[in-house]
Amino acid sequence: MLVKDAYLDSLRFEESALAHYIHHLLIEKKISLDDDMTKINLEQADHQIVKEMIQNNVLGIYKIRVYSLKMNQKDFVFIFATSEQAAIKFYCEKFHLTPLNCHEYSLDFQIARGNDVISFRDMKKDWKCFPAIAGFFVKPY
């Protein structure tokens, strides 16, 4: 795998630490995008600089997750948010109720949308602002 592919994957999958380390090593010209990943040596990085880059979120990576919040015995809402607490807060503000529970789902979980199947990861691309409602599910009896 090339550094370029690993870098794009780290951005796509919101792996902030890896993305910032690769970014730093690229800036310092210790690696290039066309190098093989085996060439990466994290010991070449200035860990203090990378730590500051991560804290300042230089690459603008905001890890968004998806949560299922139980509205009642059969209704659920999926919410994209940065944390479980943010999802619950958004739910309470939106529905003026407290959810019965809240569970994180994998962004790779696939659901039916119309005649297609889509993952939450792909669906997340439809939103620019979070938290956001991804959809609803009604449990059949």
N, C-alpha and C. Protein backbone atom coordinates (compact mmCIF):
# COMPACT_ATOMS: atom_id res chain seq x y z
N MET A 1 0.85 -1.18 0.00
CA MET A 1 0.00 0.00 0.00
C MET A 1 0.89 1.23 0.00
N LEU A 2 0.50 2.20 -0.78
CA LEU A 2 1.25 3.46 -0.86
C LEU A 2 0.83 4.40 0.27
N VAL A 3 1.74 5.30 0.62
CA VAL A 3 1.46 6.32 1.64
C VAL A 3 0.22 7.11 1.24
N LYS A 4 0.10 7.44 -0.04
CA LYS A 4 -1.05 8.20 -0.54
C LYS A 4 -2.36 7.49 -0.18
N ASP A 5 -2.42 6.17 -0.39
CA ASP A 5 -3.63 5.41 -0.10
C ASP A 5 -3.92 5.36 1.41
N ALA A 6 -2.87 5.16 2.19
CA ALA A 6 -3.03 5.13 3.65
C ALA A 6 -3.48 6.49 4.18
N TYR A 7 -2.94 7.55 3.61
CA TYR A 7 -3.31 8.92 4.01
C TYR A 7 -4.78 9.18 3.69
N LEU A 8 -5.19 8.83 2.48
CA LEU A 8 -6.60 9.03 2.10
C LEU A 8 -7.53 8.18 2.98
N ASP A 9 -7.13 6.94 3.26
CA ASP A 9 -7.93 6.08 4.14
C ASP A 9 -8.02 6.66 5.55
N SER A 10 -6.91 7.19 6.06
CA SER A 10 -6.93 7.76 7.41
C SER A 10 -7.86 8.97 7.48
N LEU A 11 -7.93 9.73 6.40
CA LEU A 11 -8.86 10.86 6.35
C LEU A 11 -10.30 10.37 6.21
N ARG A 12 -10.50 9.40 5.35
CA ARG A 12 -11.85 8.86 5.10
C ARG A 12 -12.43 8.22 6.36
N PHE A 13 -11.59 7.46 7.06
CA PHE A 13 -12.07 6.75 8.25
C PHE A 13 -11.84 7.56 9.53
N GLU A 14 -11.47 8.82 9.36
CA GLU A 14 -11.33 9.77 10.47
C GLU A 14 -10.37 9.29 11.55
N GLU A 15 -9.25 8.71 11.10
CA GLU A 15 -8.19 8.27 12.00
C GLU A 15 -7.23 9.44 12.19
N SER A 16 -7.58 10.31 13.11
CA SER A 16 -6.90 11.58 13.28
C SER A 16 -5.40 11.43 13.56
N ALA A 17 -5.02 10.56 14.46
CA ALA A 17 -3.60 10.43 14.82
C ALA A 17 -2.77 10.01 13.61
N LEU A 18 -3.18 8.96 12.92
CA LEU A 18 -2.43 8.49 11.76
C LEU A 18 -2.37 9.57 10.68
N ALA A 19 -3.48 10.21 10.41
CA ALA A 19 -3.52 11.26 9.39
C ALA A 19 -2.55 12.39 9.73
N HIS A 20 -2.53 12.81 10.99
CA HIS A 20 -1.63 13.89 11.39
C HIS A 20 -0.16 13.45 11.34
N TYR A 21 0.12 12.21 11.72
CA TYR A 21 1.51 11.72 11.64
C TYR A 21 1.98 11.71 10.19
N ILE A 22 1.16 11.17 9.29
CA ILE A 22 1.53 11.13 7.88
C ILE A 22 1.71 12.56 7.35
N HIS A 23 0.78 13.43 7.70
CA HIS A 23 0.85 14.84 7.27
C HIS A 23 2.17 15.47 7.72
N HIS A 24 2.52 15.25 8.97
CA HIS A 24 3.76 15.81 9.51
C HIS A 24 4.98 15.26 8.77
N LEU A 25 5.02 13.95 8.56
CA LEU A 25 6.15 13.34 7.86
C LEU A 25 6.25 13.82 6.41
N LEU A 26 5.11 14.08 5.79
CA LEU A 26 5.11 14.64 4.43
C LEU A 26 5.67 16.06 4.42
N ILE A 27 5.24 16.88 5.38
CA ILE A 27 5.72 18.26 5.47
C ILE A 27 7.24 18.29 5.69
N GLU A 28 7.71 17.38 6.54
CA GLU A 28 9.14 17.32 6.86
C GLU A 28 9.94 16.63 5.76
N LYS A 29 9.25 16.17 4.70
CA LYS A 29 9.87 15.49 3.56
C LYS A 29 10.60 14.22 3.96
N LYS A 30 10.09 13.55 4.98
CA LYS A 30 10.68 12.28 5.41
C LYS A 30 10.05 11.11 4.67
N ILE A 31 8.91 11.38 4.04
CA ILE A 31 8.24 10.41 3.18
C ILE A 31 7.59 11.18 2.03
N SER A 32 7.18 10.43 1.01
CA SER A 32 6.41 11.05 -0.09
C SER A 32 5.15 10.22 -0.29
N LEU A 33 4.19 10.80 -0.98
CA LEU A 33 2.91 10.11 -1.21
C LEU A 33 3.10 8.83 -2.02
N ASP A 34 4.15 8.75 -2.81
CA ASP A 34 4.38 7.57 -3.65
C ASP A 34 5.22 6.50 -2.97
N ASP A 35 5.65 6.74 -1.74
CA ASP A 35 6.41 5.72 -1.00
C ASP A 35 5.51 4.58 -0.57
N ASP A 36 6.12 3.42 -0.36
CA ASP A 36 5.40 2.29 0.21
C ASP A 36 5.23 2.55 1.71
N MET A 37 4.13 2.08 2.26
CA MET A 37 3.85 2.29 3.70
C MET A 37 4.95 1.72 4.59
N THR A 38 5.67 0.73 4.12
CA THR A 38 6.74 0.14 4.94
C THR A 38 7.85 1.14 5.21
N LYS A 39 7.89 2.22 4.43
CA LYS A 39 8.92 3.24 4.62
C LYS A 39 8.61 4.16 5.81
N ILE A 40 7.36 4.17 6.23
CA ILE A 40 6.98 5.05 7.34
C ILE A 40 7.61 4.58 8.64
N ASN A 41 8.30 5.51 9.28
CA ASN A 41 8.90 5.26 10.59
C ASN A 41 8.44 6.39 11.49
N LEU A 42 7.50 6.09 12.37
CA LEU A 42 6.92 7.13 13.23
C LEU A 42 7.94 7.73 14.19
N GLU A 43 9.06 7.03 14.39
CA GLU A 43 10.11 7.57 15.26
C GLU A 43 10.79 8.79 14.62
N GLN A 44 10.62 8.96 13.31
CA GLN A 44 11.18 10.14 12.63
C GLN A 44 10.36 11.39 12.90
N ALA A 45 9.17 11.22 13.41
CA ALA A 45 8.27 12.35 13.66
C ALA A 45 8.62 13.05 14.96
N ASP A 46 8.36 14.34 14.99
CA ASP A 46 8.48 15.10 16.23
C ASP A 46 7.13 14.95 16.94
N HIS A 47 7.10 14.09 17.95
CA HIS A 47 5.84 13.73 18.60
C HIS A 47 5.15 14.93 19.25
N GLN A 48 5.93 15.89 19.73
CA GLN A 48 5.33 17.08 20.34
C GLN A 48 4.60 17.92 19.30
N ILE A 49 5.20 18.04 18.13
CA ILE A 49 4.56 18.82 17.05
C ILE A 49 3.28 18.11 16.61
N VAL A 50 3.34 16.79 16.45
CA VAL A 50 2.15 16.03 16.03
C VAL A 50 1.06 16.14 17.08
N LYS A 51 1.44 16.08 18.35
CA LYS A 51 0.47 16.22 19.44
C LYS A 51 -0.25 17.57 19.34
N GLU A 52 0.51 18.62 19.10
CA GLU A 52 -0.09 19.96 18.96
C GLU A 52 -0.97 20.03 17.71
N MET A 53 -0.54 19.38 16.62
CA MET A 53 -1.35 19.37 15.40
C MET A 53 -2.70 18.69 15.66
N ILE A 54 -2.66 17.57 16.40
CA ILE A 54 -3.89 16.84 16.72
C ILE A 54 -4.79 17.69 17.62
N GLN A 55 -4.19 18.30 18.64
CA GLN A 55 -4.98 19.14 19.55
C GLN A 55 -5.60 20.33 18.83
N ASN A 56 -4.87 20.91 17.87
CA ASN A 56 -5.38 22.05 17.10
C ASN A 56 -6.21 21.59 15.91
N ASN A 57 -6.31 20.29 15.73
CA ASN A 57 -7.08 19.68 14.65
C ASN A 57 -6.76 20.33 13.31
N VAL A 58 -5.47 20.36 12.99
CA VAL A 58 -4.97 21.00 11.77
C VAL A 58 -5.67 20.47 10.53
N LEU A 59 -5.99 19.18 10.51
CA LEU A 59 -6.62 18.58 9.33
C LEU A 59 -8.15 18.66 9.36
N GLY A 60 -8.70 19.22 10.43
CA GLY A 60 -10.16 19.38 10.50
C GLY A 60 -10.92 18.07 10.54
N ILE A 61 -10.40 17.10 11.29
CA ILE A 61 -11.05 15.80 11.39
C ILE A 61 -11.96 15.79 12.62
N TYR A 62 -13.23 15.65 12.37
CA TYR A 62 -14.21 15.57 13.44
C TYR A 62 -14.88 14.21 13.32
N LYS A 63 -14.53 13.31 14.21
CA LYS A 63 -15.04 11.94 14.12
C LYS A 63 -16.54 11.94 14.41
N ILE A 64 -17.29 11.60 13.40
CA ILE A 64 -18.75 11.52 13.52
C ILE A 64 -19.13 10.05 13.58
N ARG A 65 -19.95 9.72 14.55
CA ARG A 65 -20.42 8.36 14.72
C ARG A 65 -21.94 8.34 14.51
N VAL A 66 -22.51 7.14 14.48
CA VAL A 66 -23.97 7.04 14.36
C VAL A 66 -24.50 6.29 15.57
N TYR A 67 -25.60 6.79 16.11
CA TYR A 67 -26.21 6.22 17.31
C TYR A 67 -27.67 5.90 17.05
N SER A 68 -28.10 4.78 17.63
CA SER A 68 -29.51 4.41 17.58
C SER A 68 -30.11 4.77 18.93
N LEU A 69 -31.14 5.60 18.91
CA LEU A 69 -31.81 6.00 20.14
C LEU A 69 -33.23 5.45 20.12
N LYS A 70 -33.58 4.76 21.18
CA LYS A 70 -34.90 4.12 21.27
C LYS A 70 -35.92 5.15 21.74
N MET A 71 -36.94 5.36 20.90
CA MET A 71 -37.97 6.35 21.20
C MET A 71 -39.08 5.73 22.05
N ASN A 72 -39.47 4.50 21.71
CA ASN A 72 -40.47 3.72 22.45
C ASN A 72 -40.22 2.26 22.11
N GLN A 73 -41.16 1.38 22.40
CA GLN A 73 -40.92 -0.05 22.23
C GLN A 73 -40.68 -0.47 20.77
N LYS A 74 -41.12 0.34 19.81
CA LYS A 74 -40.93 -0.08 18.41
C LYS A 74 -40.26 0.95 17.52
N ASP A 75 -40.11 2.18 17.97
CA ASP A 75 -39.54 3.24 17.13
C ASP A 75 -38.13 3.63 17.58
N PHE A 76 -37.26 3.77 16.59
CA PHE A 76 -35.87 4.15 16.83
C PHE A 76 -35.49 5.27 15.87
N VAL A 77 -34.56 6.10 16.28
CA VAL A 77 -34.03 7.13 15.40
C VAL A 77 -32.51 6.97 15.39
N PHE A 78 -31.93 7.12 14.21
CA PHE A 78 -30.48 7.09 14.07
C PHE A 78 -30.00 8.53 13.96
N ILE A 79 -28.99 8.85 14.78
CA ILE A 79 -28.46 10.22 14.81
C ILE A 79 -26.96 10.20 14.61
N PHE A 80 -26.49 11.04 13.68
CA PHE A 80 -25.06 11.26 13.51
C PHE A 80 -24.63 12.30 14.54
N ALA A 81 -23.59 11.98 15.31
CA ALA A 81 -23.10 12.92 16.32
C ALA A 81 -21.65 12.58 16.68
N THR A 82 -21.00 13.50 17.37
CA THR A 82 -19.60 13.29 17.76
C THR A 82 -19.47 12.38 18.98
N SER A 83 -20.54 12.25 19.75
CA SER A 83 -20.48 11.41 20.95
C SER A 83 -21.89 10.97 21.35
N GLU A 84 -21.95 9.99 22.22
CA GLU A 84 -23.24 9.53 22.73
C GLU A 84 -23.97 10.67 23.44
N GLN A 85 -23.23 11.46 24.21
CA GLN A 85 -23.83 12.58 24.93
C GLN A 85 -24.42 13.61 23.96
N ALA A 86 -23.69 13.87 22.88
CA ALA A 86 -24.18 14.83 21.88
C ALA A 86 -25.43 14.31 21.19
N ALA A 87 -25.48 13.00 20.92
CA ALA A 87 -26.66 12.40 20.28
C ALA A 87 -27.87 12.51 21.21
N ILE A 88 -27.68 12.20 22.48
CA ILE A 88 -28.78 12.27 23.45
C ILE A 88 -29.26 13.71 23.62
N LYS A 89 -28.33 14.63 23.71
CA LYS A 89 -28.70 16.05 23.85
C LYS A 89 -29.51 16.52 22.64
N PHE A 90 -29.06 16.16 21.45
CA PHE A 90 -29.75 16.53 20.22
C PHE A 90 -31.16 15.93 20.22
N TYR A 91 -31.28 14.66 20.61
CA TYR A 91 -32.57 13.98 20.67
C TYR A 91 -33.52 14.72 21.62
N CYS A 92 -33.02 15.04 22.81
CA CYS A 92 -33.85 15.73 23.81
C CYS A 92 -34.32 17.08 23.30
N GLU A 93 -33.44 17.82 22.63
CA GLU A 93 -33.81 19.13 22.10
C GLU A 93 -34.82 19.00 20.96
N LYS A 94 -34.64 17.98 20.13
CA LYS A 94 -35.49 17.80 18.95
C LYS A 94 -36.87 17.26 19.30
N PHE A 95 -36.92 16.27 20.20
CA PHE A 95 -38.18 15.59 20.49
C PHE A 95 -38.77 15.93 21.86
N HIS A 96 -38.05 16.71 22.66
CA HIS A 96 -38.50 17.12 23.99
C HIS A 96 -38.82 15.91 24.87
N LEU A 97 -38.05 14.83 24.68
CA LEU A 97 -38.17 13.59 25.46
C LEU A 97 -36.77 13.05 25.71
N THR A 98 -36.68 12.13 26.66
CA THR A 98 -35.43 11.43 26.91
C THR A 98 -35.51 10.07 26.23
N PRO A 99 -34.48 9.67 25.49
CA PRO A 99 -34.53 8.35 24.83
C PRO A 99 -34.47 7.23 25.87
N LEU A 100 -35.04 6.09 25.52
CA LEU A 100 -35.01 4.93 26.42
C LEU A 100 -33.61 4.33 26.50
N ASN A 101 -32.87 4.40 25.40
CA ASN A 101 -31.47 3.99 25.42
C ASN A 101 -30.76 4.59 24.21
N CYS A 102 -29.45 4.39 24.16
CA CYS A 102 -28.64 4.93 23.08
C CYS A 102 -27.48 3.97 22.85
N HIS A 103 -27.34 3.50 21.61
CA HIS A 103 -26.27 2.57 21.27
C HIS A 103 -25.56 3.03 20.01
N GLU A 104 -24.23 2.92 20.03
CA GLU A 104 -23.46 3.27 18.84
C GLU A 104 -23.53 2.12 17.84
N TYR A 105 -23.67 2.47 16.57
CA TYR A 105 -23.65 1.50 15.47
C TYR A 105 -22.38 1.73 14.67
N SER A 106 -21.98 0.74 13.93
CA SER A 106 -20.84 0.87 13.02
C SER A 106 -21.25 1.72 11.83
N LEU A 107 -20.36 2.59 11.39
CA LEU A 107 -20.64 3.38 10.19
C LEU A 107 -20.72 2.49 8.95
N ASP A 108 -20.19 1.29 9.05
CA ASP A 108 -20.23 0.36 7.92
C ASP A 108 -21.50 -0.48 7.89
N PHE A 109 -22.36 -0.33 8.90
CA PHE A 109 -23.64 -1.04 8.94
C PHE A 109 -24.48 -0.57 7.75
N GLN A 110 -25.05 -1.52 7.04
CA GLN A 110 -25.82 -1.19 5.85
C GLN A 110 -27.31 -1.29 6.13
N ILE A 111 -28.06 -0.35 5.55
CA ILE A 111 -29.51 -0.34 5.71
C ILE A 111 -30.15 -0.15 4.33
N ALA A 112 -31.40 -0.54 4.24
CA ALA A 112 -32.14 -0.36 2.99
C ALA A 112 -32.63 1.09 2.93
N ARG A 113 -32.44 1.69 1.75
CA ARG A 113 -32.96 3.04 1.51
C ARG A 113 -33.59 3.00 0.12
N GLY A 114 -34.91 2.97 0.11
CA GLY A 114 -35.61 2.79 -1.16
C GLY A 114 -35.33 1.38 -1.67
N ASN A 115 -34.90 1.29 -2.91
CA ASN A 115 -34.55 -0.01 -3.50
C ASN A 115 -33.07 -0.33 -3.36
N ASP A 116 -32.31 0.55 -2.72
CA ASP A 116 -30.87 0.38 -2.58
C ASP A 116 -30.48 0.03 -1.16
N VAL A 117 -29.24 -0.37 -1.01
CA VAL A 117 -28.64 -0.58 0.31
C VAL A 117 -27.50 0.41 0.43
N ILE A 118 -27.40 1.06 1.59
CA ILE A 118 -26.38 2.09 1.79
C ILE A 118 -25.82 1.96 3.20
N SER A 119 -24.54 2.24 3.36
CA SER A 119 -23.93 2.23 4.69
C SER A 119 -24.11 3.61 5.33
N PHE A 120 -24.04 3.63 6.65
CA PHE A 120 -24.12 4.92 7.34
C PHE A 120 -22.93 5.80 6.91
N ARG A 121 -21.77 5.19 6.65
CA ARG A 121 -20.60 5.95 6.24
C ARG A 121 -20.89 6.73 4.95
N ASP A 122 -21.51 6.04 3.98
CA ASP A 122 -21.85 6.71 2.72
C ASP A 122 -22.99 7.71 2.92
N MET A 123 -23.94 7.36 3.76
CA MET A 123 -25.07 8.25 4.02
C MET A 123 -24.60 9.54 4.69
N LYS A 124 -23.57 9.43 5.52
CA LYS A 124 -23.07 10.59 6.26
C LYS A 124 -22.60 11.70 5.32
N LYS A 125 -22.20 11.33 4.12
CA LYS A 125 -21.72 12.31 3.14
C LYS A 125 -22.82 13.28 2.71
N ASP A 126 -24.08 12.92 2.97
CA ASP A 126 -25.21 13.77 2.59
C ASP A 126 -25.36 14.98 3.52
N TRP A 127 -24.69 14.96 4.67
CA TRP A 127 -24.82 16.04 5.65
C TRP A 127 -23.52 16.82 5.77
N LYS A 128 -23.66 18.09 6.05
CA LYS A 128 -22.51 18.95 6.27
C LYS A 128 -22.46 19.44 7.71
N CYS A 129 -23.58 19.32 8.41
CA CYS A 129 -23.71 19.86 9.77
C CYS A 129 -24.18 18.75 10.70
N PHE A 130 -23.54 18.64 11.84
CA PHE A 130 -23.87 17.58 12.82
C PHE A 130 -24.07 18.20 14.19
N PRO A 131 -24.89 17.59 15.04
CA PRO A 131 -25.62 16.34 14.87
C PRO A 131 -26.74 16.46 13.85
N ALA A 132 -27.13 15.30 13.32
CA ALA A 132 -28.19 15.24 12.31
C ALA A 132 -28.92 13.90 12.40
N ILE A 133 -30.17 13.91 12.02
CA ILE A 133 -30.96 12.67 12.00
C ILE A 133 -30.64 11.92 10.71
N ALA A 134 -30.19 10.67 10.86
CA ALA A 134 -29.86 9.83 9.71
C ALA A 134 -31.10 9.11 9.19
N GLY A 135 -32.05 8.84 10.09
CA GLY A 135 -33.26 8.15 9.67
C GLY A 135 -33.97 7.51 10.84
N PHE A 136 -35.06 6.86 10.53
CA PHE A 136 -35.89 6.21 11.54
C PHE A 136 -36.04 4.74 11.21
N PHE A 137 -36.30 3.95 12.23
CA PHE A 137 -36.57 2.52 12.05
C PHE A 137 -37.74 2.15 12.92
N VAL A 138 -38.69 1.41 12.35
CA VAL A 138 -39.83 0.91 13.10
C VAL A 138 -39.69 -0.60 13.17
N LYS A 139 -39.61 -1.11 14.37
CA LYS A 139 -39.45 -2.55 14.60
C LYS A 139 -40.79 -3.25 14.33
N PRO A 140 -40.78 -4.22 13.43
CA PRO A 140 -42.04 -4.93 13.15
C PRO A 140 -42.39 -5.88 14.30
N TYR A 141 -43.66 -6.07 14.52
CA TYR A 141 -44.08 -6.99 15.59
C TYR A 141 -44.38 -8.33 15.05
